[in-house]
PDB file of all heavy atoms in Angstrom:
ATOM      1  N   ALA A   1      85.482  89.569 114.232  1.00  0.00           N
ATOM      2  CA  ALA A   1      85.168  90.872 114.827  1.00  0.00           C
ATOM      3  C   ALA A   1      85.097  90.809 116.351  1.00  0.00           C
ATOM      4  O   ALA A   1      85.505  91.756 117.028  1.00  0.00           O
ATOM      5  CB  ALA A   1      83.853  91.406 114.259  1.00  0.00           C
ATOM      6  N   ALA A   2      84.621  89.704 116.897  1.00  0.00           N
ATOM      7  CA  ALA A   2      84.533  89.576 118.351  1.00  0.00           C
ATOM      8  C   ALA A   2      85.929  89.589 118.970  1.00  0.00           C
ATOM      9  O   ALA A   2      86.161  90.262 119.973  1.00  0.00           O
ATOM     10  CB  ALA A   2      83.789  88.297 118.730  1.00  0.00           C
ATOM     11  N   LEU A   3      86.877  88.872 118.376  1.00  0.00           N
ATOM     12  CA  LEU A   3      88.252  88.884 118.890  1.00  0.00           C
ATOM     13  C   LEU A   3      88.904  90.246 118.691  1.00  0.00           C
ATOM     14  O   LEU A   3      89.678  90.698 119.536  1.00  0.00           O
ATOM     15  CB  LEU A   3      89.090  87.800 118.222  1.00  0.00           C
ATOM     16  CG  LEU A   3      88.812  86.356 118.643  1.00  0.00           C
ATOM     17  CD1 LEU A   3      89.633  85.390 117.801  1.00  0.00           C
ATOM     18  CD2 LEU A   3      89.088  86.158 120.116  1.00  0.00           C
ATOM     19  N   MET A   4      88.605  90.914 117.591  1.00  0.00           N
ATOM     20  CA  MET A   4      89.192  92.228 117.322  1.00  0.00           C
ATOM     21  C   MET A   4      88.751  93.263 118.357  1.00  0.00           C
ATOM     22  O   MET A   4      89.464  94.231 118.602  1.00  0.00           O
ATOM     23  CB  MET A   4      88.816  92.704 115.915  1.00  0.00           C
ATOM     24  CG  MET A   4      89.495  91.908 114.816  1.00  0.00           C
ATOM     25  SD  MET A   4      88.870  92.308 113.172  1.00  0.00           S
ATOM     26  CE  MET A   4      89.589  93.919 112.903  1.00  0.00           C
ATOM     27  N   ALA A   5      87.607  93.060 118.961  1.00  0.00           N
ATOM     28  CA  ALA A   5      87.059  94.028 119.910  1.00  0.00           C
ATOM     29  C   ALA A   5      87.558  93.816 121.341  1.00  0.00           C
ATOM     30  O   ALA A   5      87.338  94.665 122.195  1.00  0.00           O
ATOM     31  CB  ALA A   5      85.537  93.959 119.889  1.00  0.00           C
ATOM     32  N   THR A   6      88.228  92.707 121.615  1.00  0.00           N
ATOM     33  CA  THR A   6      88.676  92.427 122.984  1.00  0.00           C
ATOM     34  C   THR A   6      90.076  92.993 123.217  1.00  0.00           C
ATOM     35  O   THR A   6      90.874  93.100 122.292  1.00  0.00           O
ATOM     36  CB  THR A   6      88.709  90.915 123.265  1.00  0.00           C
ATOM     37  OG1 THR A   6      89.702  90.314 122.426  1.00  0.00           O
ATOM     38  CG2 THR A   6      87.358  90.281 123.019  1.00  0.00           C
ATOM     39  N   PRO A   7      90.393  93.340 124.467  1.00  0.00           N
ATOM     40  CA  PRO A   7      91.732  93.861 124.762  1.00  0.00           C
ATOM     41  C   PRO A   7      92.790  92.767 124.925  1.00  0.00           C
ATOM     42  O   PRO A   7      93.971  93.044 124.852  1.00  0.00           O
ATOM     43  CB  PRO A   7      91.536  94.618 126.074  1.00  0.00           C
ATOM     44  CG  PRO A   7      90.373  93.966 126.725  1.00  0.00           C
ATOM     45  CD  PRO A   7      89.488  93.485 125.599  1.00  0.00           C
ATOM     46  N   GLU A   8      92.361  91.522 125.116  1.00  0.00           N
ATOM     47  CA  GLU A   8      93.316  90.430 125.324  1.00  0.00           C
ATOM     48  C   GLU A   8      93.916  89.951 124.003  1.00  0.00           C
ATOM     49  O   GLU A   8      93.270  89.970 122.970  1.00  0.00           O
ATOM     50  CB  GLU A   8      92.635  89.226 126.005  1.00  0.00           C
ATOM     51  CG  GLU A   8      92.072  89.490 127.362  1.00  0.00           C
ATOM     52  CD  GLU A   8      90.681  90.094 127.308  1.00  0.00           C
ATOM     53  OE1 GLU A   8      89.956  89.857 126.333  1.00  0.00           O
ATOM     54  OE2 GLU A   8      90.343  90.844 128.233  1.00  0.00           O
ATOM     55  N   ILE A   9      95.157  89.507 124.091  1.00  0.00           N
ATOM     56  CA  ILE A   9      95.813  88.860 122.963  1.00  0.00           C
ATOM     57  C   ILE A   9      95.956  87.391 123.326  1.00  0.00           C
ATOM     58  O   ILE A   9      96.591  87.055 124.326  1.00  0.00           O
ATOM     59  CB  ILE A   9      97.195  89.470 122.679  1.00  0.00           C
ATOM     60  CG1 ILE A   9      97.049  90.948 122.346  1.00  0.00           C
ATOM     61  CG2 ILE A   9      97.897  88.706 121.568  1.00  0.00           C
ATOM     62  CD1 ILE A   9      98.355  91.701 122.319  1.00  0.00           C
ATOM     63  N   ILE A  10      95.347  86.537 122.542  1.00  0.00           N
ATOM     64  CA  ILE A  10      95.439  85.097 122.758  1.00  0.00           C
ATOM     65  C   ILE A  10      96.227  84.533 121.580  1.00  0.00           C
ATOM     66  O   ILE A  10      95.726  84.514 120.449  1.00  0.00           O
ATOM     67  CB  ILE A  10      94.041  84.458 122.851  1.00  0.00           C
ATOM     68  CG1 ILE A  10      93.229  85.139 123.961  1.00  0.00           C
ATOM     69  CG2 ILE A  10      94.148  82.955 123.088  1.00  0.00           C
ATOM     70  CD1 ILE A  10      91.764  84.778 123.979  1.00  0.00           C
ATOM     71  N   VAL A  11      97.441  84.099 121.835  1.00  0.00           N
ATOM     72  CA  VAL A  11      98.342  83.672 120.759  1.00  0.00           C
ATOM     73  C   VAL A  11      97.685  82.615 119.873  1.00  0.00           C
ATOM     74  O   VAL A  11      97.826  82.642 118.653  1.00  0.00           O
ATOM     75  CB  VAL A  11      99.682  83.155 121.328  1.00  0.00           C
ATOM     76  CG1 VAL A  11     100.560  82.572 120.245  1.00  0.00           C
ATOM     77  CG2 VAL A  11     100.405  84.270 122.062  1.00  0.00           C
ATOM     78  N   GLU A  12      96.951  81.705 120.476  1.00  0.00           N
ATOM     79  CA  GLU A  12      96.326  80.608 119.726  1.00  0.00           C
ATOM     80  C   GLU A  12      95.066  81.021 118.979  1.00  0.00           C
ATOM     81  O   GLU A  12      94.490  80.217 118.254  1.00  0.00           O
ATOM     82  CB  GLU A  12      95.969  79.450 120.670  1.00  0.00           C
ATOM     83  CG  GLU A  12      97.136  78.849 121.394  1.00  0.00           C
ATOM     84  CD  GLU A  12      97.502  79.616 122.679  1.00  0.00           C
ATOM     85  OE1 GLU A  12      96.763  80.544 123.082  1.00  0.00           O
ATOM     86  OE2 GLU A  12      98.551  79.290 123.252  1.00  0.00           O
ATOM     87  N   LYS A  13      94.635  82.266 119.162  1.00  0.00           N
ATOM     88  CA  LYS A  13      93.413  82.755 118.513  1.00  0.00           C
ATOM     89  C   LYS A  13      93.680  84.095 117.832  1.00  0.00           C
ATOM     90  O   LYS A  13      93.252  85.150 118.312  1.00  0.00           O
ATOM     91  CB  LYS A  13      92.278  82.899 119.531  1.00  0.00           C
ATOM     92  CG  LYS A  13      91.810  81.582 120.104  1.00  0.00           C
ATOM     93  CD  LYS A  13      90.641  81.799 121.028  1.00  0.00           C
ATOM     94  CE  LYS A  13      90.141  80.482 121.563  1.00  0.00           C
ATOM     95  NZ  LYS A  13      88.971  80.661 122.418  1.00  0.00           N
ATOM     96  N   PRO A  14      94.359  84.090 116.692  1.00  0.00           N
ATOM     97  CA  PRO A  14      94.601  85.355 115.991  1.00  0.00           C
ATOM     98  C   PRO A  14      93.281  85.962 115.508  1.00  0.00           C
ATOM     99  O   PRO A  14      92.328  85.242 115.207  1.00  0.00           O
ATOM    100  CB  PRO A  14      95.486  84.948 114.817  1.00  0.00           C
ATOM    101  CG  PRO A  14      95.204  83.498 114.615  1.00  0.00           C
ATOM    102  CD  PRO A  14      94.874  82.937 115.968  1.00  0.00           C
ATOM    103  N   GLU A  15      93.267  87.270 115.444  1.00  0.00           N
ATOM    104  CA  GLU A  15      92.042  87.985 115.058  1.00  0.00           C
ATOM    105  C   GLU A  15      91.718  87.854 113.574  1.00  0.00           C
ATOM    106  O   GLU A  15      90.558  87.946 113.186  1.00  0.00           O
ATOM    107  CB  GLU A  15      92.171  89.469 115.428  1.00  0.00           C
ATOM    108  CG  GLU A  15      92.122  89.734 116.916  1.00  0.00           C
ATOM    109  CD  GLU A  15      93.414  89.380 117.651  1.00  0.00           C
ATOM    110  OE1 GLU A  15      94.478  89.244 117.018  1.00  0.00           O
ATOM    111  OE2 GLU A  15      93.348  89.235 118.878  1.00  0.00           O
ATOM    112  N   LEU A  16      92.745  87.663 112.744  1.00  0.00           N
ATOM    113  CA  LEU A  16      92.521  87.546 111.298  1.00  0.00           C
ATOM    114  C   LEU A  16      93.301  86.370 110.722  1.00  0.00           C
ATOM    115  O   LEU A  16      94.405  86.060 111.185  1.00  0.00           O
ATOM    116  CB  LEU A  16      92.971  88.818 110.571  1.00  0.00           C
ATOM    117  CG  LEU A  16      92.178  90.076 110.887  1.00  0.00           C
ATOM    118  CD1 LEU A  16      92.925  90.937 111.875  1.00  0.00           C
ATOM    119  CD2 LEU A  16      91.918  90.855 109.627  1.00  0.00           C
ATOM    120  N   LEU A  17      92.729  85.754 109.698  1.00  0.00           N
ATOM    121  CA  LEU A  17      93.404  84.730 108.915  1.00  0.00           C
ATOM    122  C   LEU A  17      93.585  85.275 107.509  1.00  0.00           C
ATOM    123  O   LEU A  17      92.672  85.890 106.952  1.00  0.00           O
ATOM    124  CB  LEU A  17      92.576  83.442 108.870  1.00  0.00           C
ATOM    125  CG  LEU A  17      92.254  82.791 110.222  1.00  0.00           C
ATOM    126  CD1 LEU A  17      91.362  81.576 110.018  1.00  0.00           C
ATOM    127  CD2 LEU A  17      93.520  82.414 110.968  1.00  0.00           C
ATOM    128  N   LEU A  18      94.757  85.062 106.919  1.00  0.00           N
ATOM    129  CA  LEU A  18      95.053  85.559 105.578  1.00  0.00           C
ATOM    130  C   LEU A  18      95.183  84.391 104.615  1.00  0.00           C
ATOM    131  O   LEU A  18      95.898  83.424 104.902  1.00  0.00           O
ATOM    132  CB  LEU A  18      96.355  86.363 105.572  1.00  0.00           C
ATOM    133  CG  LEU A  18      96.265  87.788 106.113  1.00  0.00           C
ATOM    134  CD1 LEU A  18      96.007  87.805 107.603  1.00  0.00           C
ATOM    135  CD2 LEU A  18      97.516  88.539 105.793  1.00  0.00           C
ATOM    136  N   TYR A  19      94.483  84.509 103.500  1.00  0.00           N
ATOM    137  CA  TYR A  19      94.457  83.453 102.494  1.00  0.00           C
ATOM    138  C   TYR A  19      94.964  83.985 101.158  1.00  0.00           C
ATOM    139  O   TYR A  19      94.832  85.166 100.850  1.00  0.00           O
ATOM    140  CB  TYR A  19      93.034  82.930 102.296  1.00  0.00           C
ATOM    141  CG  TYR A  19      92.508  82.153 103.476  1.00  0.00           C
ATOM    142  CD1 TYR A  19      91.899  82.801 104.546  1.00  0.00           C
ATOM    143  CD2 TYR A  19      92.623  80.767 103.517  1.00  0.00           C
ATOM    144  CE1 TYR A  19      91.424  82.094 105.635  1.00  0.00           C
ATOM    145  CE2 TYR A  19      92.141  80.055 104.604  1.00  0.00           C
ATOM    146  CZ  TYR A  19      91.545  80.717 105.657  1.00  0.00           C
ATOM    147  OH  TYR A  19      91.076  80.013 106.737  1.00  0.00           O
ATOM    148  N   GLU A  20      95.486  83.069 100.364  1.00  0.00           N
ATOM    149  CA  GLU A  20      95.883  83.362  98.992  1.00  0.00           C
ATOM    150  C   GLU A  20      94.984  82.537  98.080  1.00  0.00           C
ATOM    151  O   GLU A  20      94.738  81.357  98.355  1.00  0.00           O
ATOM    152  CB  GLU A  20      97.350  82.958  98.782  1.00  0.00           C
ATOM    153  CG  GLU A  20      97.836  83.106  97.367  1.00  0.00           C
ATOM    154  CD  GLU A  20      99.289  82.685  97.239  1.00  0.00           C
ATOM    155  OE1 GLU A  20      99.667  81.632  97.783  1.00  0.00           O
ATOM    156  OE2 GLU A  20     100.037  83.419  96.587  1.00  0.00           O
ATOM    157  N   LYS A  21      94.486  83.173  97.014  1.00  0.00           N
ATOM    158  CA  LYS A  21      93.664  82.446  96.051  1.00  0.00           C
ATOM    159  C   LYS A  21      94.564  81.912  94.952  1.00  0.00           C
ATOM    160  O   LYS A  21      95.333  82.659  94.348  1.00  0.00           O
ATOM    161  CB  LYS A  21      92.585  83.346  95.457  1.00  0.00           C
ATOM    162  CG  LYS A  21      91.581  82.580  94.599  1.00  0.00           C
ATOM    163  CD  LYS A  21      90.526  83.485  94.011  1.00  0.00           C
ATOM    164  CE  LYS A  21      89.464  83.764  95.041  1.00  0.00           C
ATOM    165  NZ  LYS A  21      88.315  84.488  94.455  1.00  0.00           N
ATOM    166  N   SER A  22      94.469  80.621  94.697  1.00  0.00           N
ATOM    167  CA  SER A  22      95.286  80.004  93.657  1.00  0.00           C
ATOM    168  C   SER A  22      94.672  80.259  92.285  1.00  0.00           C
ATOM    169  O   SER A  22      93.544  80.742  92.167  1.00  0.00           O
ATOM    170  CB  SER A  22      95.392  78.499  93.906  1.00  0.00           C
ATOM    171  OG  SER A  22      94.142  77.880  93.645  1.00  0.00           O
ATOM    172  N   ALA A  23      95.395  79.905  91.242  1.00  0.00           N
ATOM    173  CA  ALA A  23      94.899  80.065  89.874  1.00  0.00           C
ATOM    174  C   ALA A  23      93.627  79.258  89.650  1.00  0.00           C
ATOM    175  O   ALA A  23      92.774  79.632  88.846  1.00  0.00           O
ATOM    176  CB  ALA A  23      95.974  79.665  88.872  1.00  0.00           C
ATOM    177  N   SER A  24      93.470  78.151  90.392  1.00  0.00           N
ATOM    178  CA  SER A  24      92.271  77.322  90.246  1.00  0.00           C
ATOM    179  C   SER A  24      91.101  77.835  91.074  1.00  0.00           C
ATOM    180  O   SER A  24      90.001  77.303  90.990  1.00  0.00           O
ATOM    181  CB  SER A  24      92.584  75.876  90.643  1.00  0.00           C
ATOM    182  OG  SER A  24      92.871  75.810  92.028  1.00  0.00           O
ATOM    183  N   GLY A  25      91.345  78.865  91.907  1.00  0.00           N
ATOM    184  CA  GLY A  25      90.267  79.475  92.667  1.00  0.00           C
ATOM    185  C   GLY A  25      90.146  79.013  94.107  1.00  0.00           C
ATOM    186  O   GLY A  25      89.297  79.507  94.839  1.00  0.00           O
ATOM    187  N   THR A  26      90.969  78.068  94.533  1.00  0.00           N
ATOM    188  CA  THR A  26      90.906  77.620  95.921  1.00  0.00           C
ATOM    189  C   THR A  26      91.641  78.607  96.822  1.00  0.00           C
ATOM    190  O   THR A  26      92.583  79.279  96.402  1.00  0.00           O
ATOM    191  CB  THR A  26      91.524  76.219  96.090  1.00  0.00           C
ATOM    192  OG1 THR A  26      92.895  76.265  95.707  1.00  0.00           O
ATOM    193  CG2 THR A  26      90.791  75.190  95.255  1.00  0.00           C
ATOM    194  N   LEU A  27      91.201  78.693  98.074  1.00  0.00           N
ATOM    195  CA  LEU A  27      91.860  79.544  99.053  1.00  0.00           C
ATOM    196  C   LEU A  27      92.789  78.699  99.909  1.00  0.00           C
ATOM    197  O   LEU A  27      92.411  77.621 100.370  1.00  0.00           O
ATOM    198  CB  LEU A  27      90.836  80.231  99.955  1.00  0.00           C
ATOM    199  CG  LEU A  27      89.963  81.288  99.302  1.00  0.00           C
ATOM    200  CD1 LEU A  27      88.933  81.804 100.296  1.00  0.00           C
ATOM    201  CD2 LEU A  27      90.814  82.436  98.788  1.00  0.00           C
ATOM    202  N   GLU A  28      94.006  79.204 100.109  1.00  0.00           N
ATOM    203  CA  GLU A  28      94.993  78.513 100.932  1.00  0.00           C
ATOM    204  C   GLU A  28      95.462  79.452 102.027  1.00  0.00           C
ATOM    205  O   GLU A  28      95.821  80.603 101.761  1.00  0.00           O
ATOM    206  CB  GLU A  28      96.170  78.060 100.067  1.00  0.00           C
ATOM    207  CG  GLU A  28      95.772  77.068  99.003  1.00  0.00           C
ATOM    208  CD  GLU A  28      96.937  76.669  98.102  1.00  0.00           C
ATOM    209  OE1 GLU A  28      98.097  76.959  98.439  1.00  0.00           O
ATOM    210  OE2 GLU A  28      96.656  76.068  97.058  1.00  0.00           O
ATOM    211  N   LEU A  29      95.467  78.956 103.271  1.00  0.00           N
ATOM    212  CA  LEU A  29      95.912  79.746 104.405  1.00  0.00           C
ATOM    213  C   LEU A  29      97.400  80.043 104.266  1.00  0.00           C
ATOM    214  O   LEU A  29      98.199  79.137 104.026  1.00  0.00           O
ATOM    215  CB  LEU A  29      95.640  78.979 105.702  1.00  0.00           C
ATOM    216  CG  LEU A  29      95.935  79.691 107.015  1.00  0.00           C
ATOM    217  CD1 LEU A  29      95.080  80.940 107.173  1.00  0.00           C
ATOM    218  CD2 LEU A  29      95.709  78.742 108.182  1.00  0.00           C
ATOM    219  N   VAL A  30      97.773  81.331 104.377  1.00  0.00           N
ATOM    220  CA  VAL A  30      99.182  81.717 104.235  1.00  0.00           C
ATOM    221  C   VAL A  30      99.737  82.398 105.473  1.00  0.00           C
ATOM    222  O   VAL A  30     100.945  82.363 105.727  1.00  0.00           O
ATOM    223  CB  VAL A  30      99.422  82.610 102.994  1.00  0.00           C
ATOM    224  CG1 VAL A  30      99.174  81.826 101.711  1.00  0.00           C
ATOM    225  CG2 VAL A  30      98.580  83.875 103.039  1.00  0.00           C
ATOM    226  N   ALA A  31      98.879  83.048 106.273  1.00  0.00           N
ATOM    227  CA  ALA A  31      99.378  83.798 107.426  1.00  0.00           C
ATOM    228  C   ALA A  31      98.254  84.052 108.418  1.00  0.00           C
ATOM    229  O   ALA A  31      97.074  83.857 108.121  1.00  0.00           O
ATOM    230  CB  ALA A  31      99.974  85.134 106.975  1.00  0.00           C
ATOM    231  N   ILE A  32      98.670  84.526 109.596  1.00  0.00           N
ATOM    232  CA  ILE A  32      97.731  85.013 110.592  1.00  0.00           C
ATOM    233  C   ILE A  32      98.069  86.473 110.860  1.00  0.00           C
ATOM    234  O   ILE A  32      99.166  86.934 110.537  1.00  0.00           O
ATOM    235  CB  ILE A  32      97.778  84.200 111.898  1.00  0.00           C
ATOM    236  CG1 ILE A  32      99.182  84.233 112.512  1.00  0.00           C
ATOM    237  CG2 ILE A  32      97.305  82.783 111.658  1.00  0.00           C
ATOM    238  CD1 ILE A  32      99.289  83.548 113.858  1.00  0.00           C
ATOM    239  N   GLU A  33      97.101  87.174 111.420  1.00  0.00           N
ATOM    240  CA  GLU A  33      97.341  88.566 111.786  1.00  0.00           C
ATOM    241  C   GLU A  33      96.732  88.818 113.158  1.00  0.00           C
ATOM    242  O   GLU A  33      95.582  88.463 113.419  1.00  0.00           O
ATOM    243  CB  GLU A  33      96.708  89.515 110.766  1.00  0.00           C
ATOM    244  CG  GLU A  33      96.947  90.977 111.060  1.00  0.00           C
ATOM    245  CD  GLU A  33      96.373  91.890 109.990  1.00  0.00           C
ATOM    246  OE1 GLU A  33      96.013  91.409 108.896  1.00  0.00           O
ATOM    247  OE2 GLU A  33      96.259  93.100 110.264  1.00  0.00           O
TER     248      GLU A  33
END
């Protein structure tokens, strides 16, 4: 939320991380937003 509120875009610090939940229940990073 802190990054989402700033006007700057920092390529190395995306505001959101997107995960996929596997059949076993673990979360795996799939994308940034």
